[in-house]
């Protein structure tokens, strides 16, 4: 019989890890940018609505003043 020594079985396992962390950061950054853009768009719309409301109030007040002036003119014309 042949004399031989049993060698322990040695195996090498290589674990490759690929990315993953960079993608999460990119998605998080995208969410933050979208949130900031939405905030500014909503804020801008609110300012526009406020400006339109203010202009409408001023037009209404001007119409009221014109109506009062016309009434005063008519009253003074009747009195003469």
Protein backbone atom coordinates (compact mmCIF):
# COMPACT_ATOMS: atom_id res chain seq x y z
CA UNK A 1 0.00 0.00 0.00
CA UNK A 2 1.08 3.42 -0.66
CA UNK A 3 1.70 5.73 2.19
CA UNK A 4 0.13 9.12 1.74
CA UNK A 5 -0.95 11.90 3.96
CA UNK A 6 -4.41 13.26 3.90
CA UNK A 7 -4.39 16.92 3.29
CA UNK A 8 -7.09 19.04 4.82
CA UNK A 9 -9.43 20.39 2.23
CA UNK A 10 -8.83 24.11 1.88
CA UNK A 11 -11.25 26.29 0.04
CA UNK A 12 -11.10 29.95 -0.60
CA UNK A 13 -14.34 31.91 -0.76
CA UNK A 14 -14.31 35.29 -2.45
CA UNK A 15 -17.22 37.55 -1.69
CA UNK A 16 -17.75 40.39 -4.11
CA UNK A 17 -19.84 43.30 -3.00
CA UNK A 18 -21.13 45.72 -5.52
CA UNK A 19 -22.27 49.28 -4.84
CA UNK A 20 -25.60 49.84 -3.22
CA UNK A 21 -24.52 52.68 -0.94
CA UNK A 22 -24.10 55.16 -3.76
CA UNK A 23 -27.55 54.45 -5.11
CA UNK A 24 -29.18 55.11 -1.74
CA UNK A 25 -27.38 58.45 -1.44
CA UNK A 26 -28.41 59.43 -4.99
CA UNK A 27 -32.07 58.60 -4.27
CA UNK A 28 -31.98 60.54 -1.01
CA UNK A 29 -30.46 63.55 -2.78
CA UNK A 30 -33.13 63.36 -5.48
CA UNK A 31 -35.90 63.32 -2.86
CA UNK A 32 -34.42 66.39 -1.15
CA UNK A 33 -34.17 68.29 -4.45
CA UNK A 34 -37.78 67.44 -5.35
CA UNK A 35 -38.98 68.53 -1.89
CA UNK A 36 -37.17 71.88 -2.17
CA UNK A 37 -38.54 72.46 -5.69
CA UNK A 38 -42.08 71.67 -4.52
CA UNK A 39 -41.72 74.09 -1.60
CA UNK A 40 -40.66 76.93 -3.90
CA UNK A 41 -43.42 76.20 -6.42
CA UNK A 42 -46.08 76.18 -3.71
CA UNK A 43 -44.62 79.32 -2.13
CA UNK A 44 -44.58 81.06 -5.51
CA UNK A 45 -48.20 80.10 -6.17
CA UNK A 46 -49.22 81.47 -2.76
CA UNK A 47 -47.55 84.80 -3.53
CA UNK A 48 -49.33 84.97 -6.89
CA UNK A 49 -52.67 84.21 -5.26
CA UNK A 50 -52.03 86.89 -2.65
CA UNK A 51 -51.16 89.45 -5.33
CA UNK A 52 -54.32 88.64 -7.30
CA UNK A 53 -56.41 88.91 -4.15
CA UNK A 54 -54.88 92.29 -3.32
CA UNK A 55 -55.46 93.59 -6.85
CA UNK A 56 -59.08 92.42 -6.76
CA UNK A 57 -59.61 94.18 -3.44
CA UNK A 58 -58.16 97.40 -4.85
CA UNK A 59 -60.35 97.18 -7.96
CA UNK A 60 -63.38 96.60 -5.76
CA UNK A 61 -62.51 99.60 -3.61
CA UNK A 62 -61.98 101.76 -6.72
CA UNK A 63 -65.39 100.70 -8.08
CA UNK A 64 -66.97 101.56 -4.76
CA UNK A 65 -65.31 104.99 -4.81
CA UNK A 66 -66.53 105.62 -8.37
CA UNK A 67 -70.04 104.59 -7.35
CA UNK A 68 -69.96 106.94 -4.37
CA UNK A 69 -68.70 109.78 -6.53
CA UNK A 70 -71.45 109.15 -9.10
CA UNK A 71 -74.09 109.15 -6.36
CA UNK A 72 -72.71 112.38 -4.92
CA UNK A 73 -72.73 113.95 -8.39
CA UNK A 74 -76.31 112.84 -8.99
CA UNK A 75 -77.41 114.14 -5.58
CA UNK A 76 -75.79 117.51 -6.20
CA UNK A 77 -77.37 117.71 -9.68
CA UNK A 78 -80.81 117.13 -8.16
CA UNK A 79 -80.21 119.82 -5.58
CA UNK A 80 -79.42 122.54 -8.11
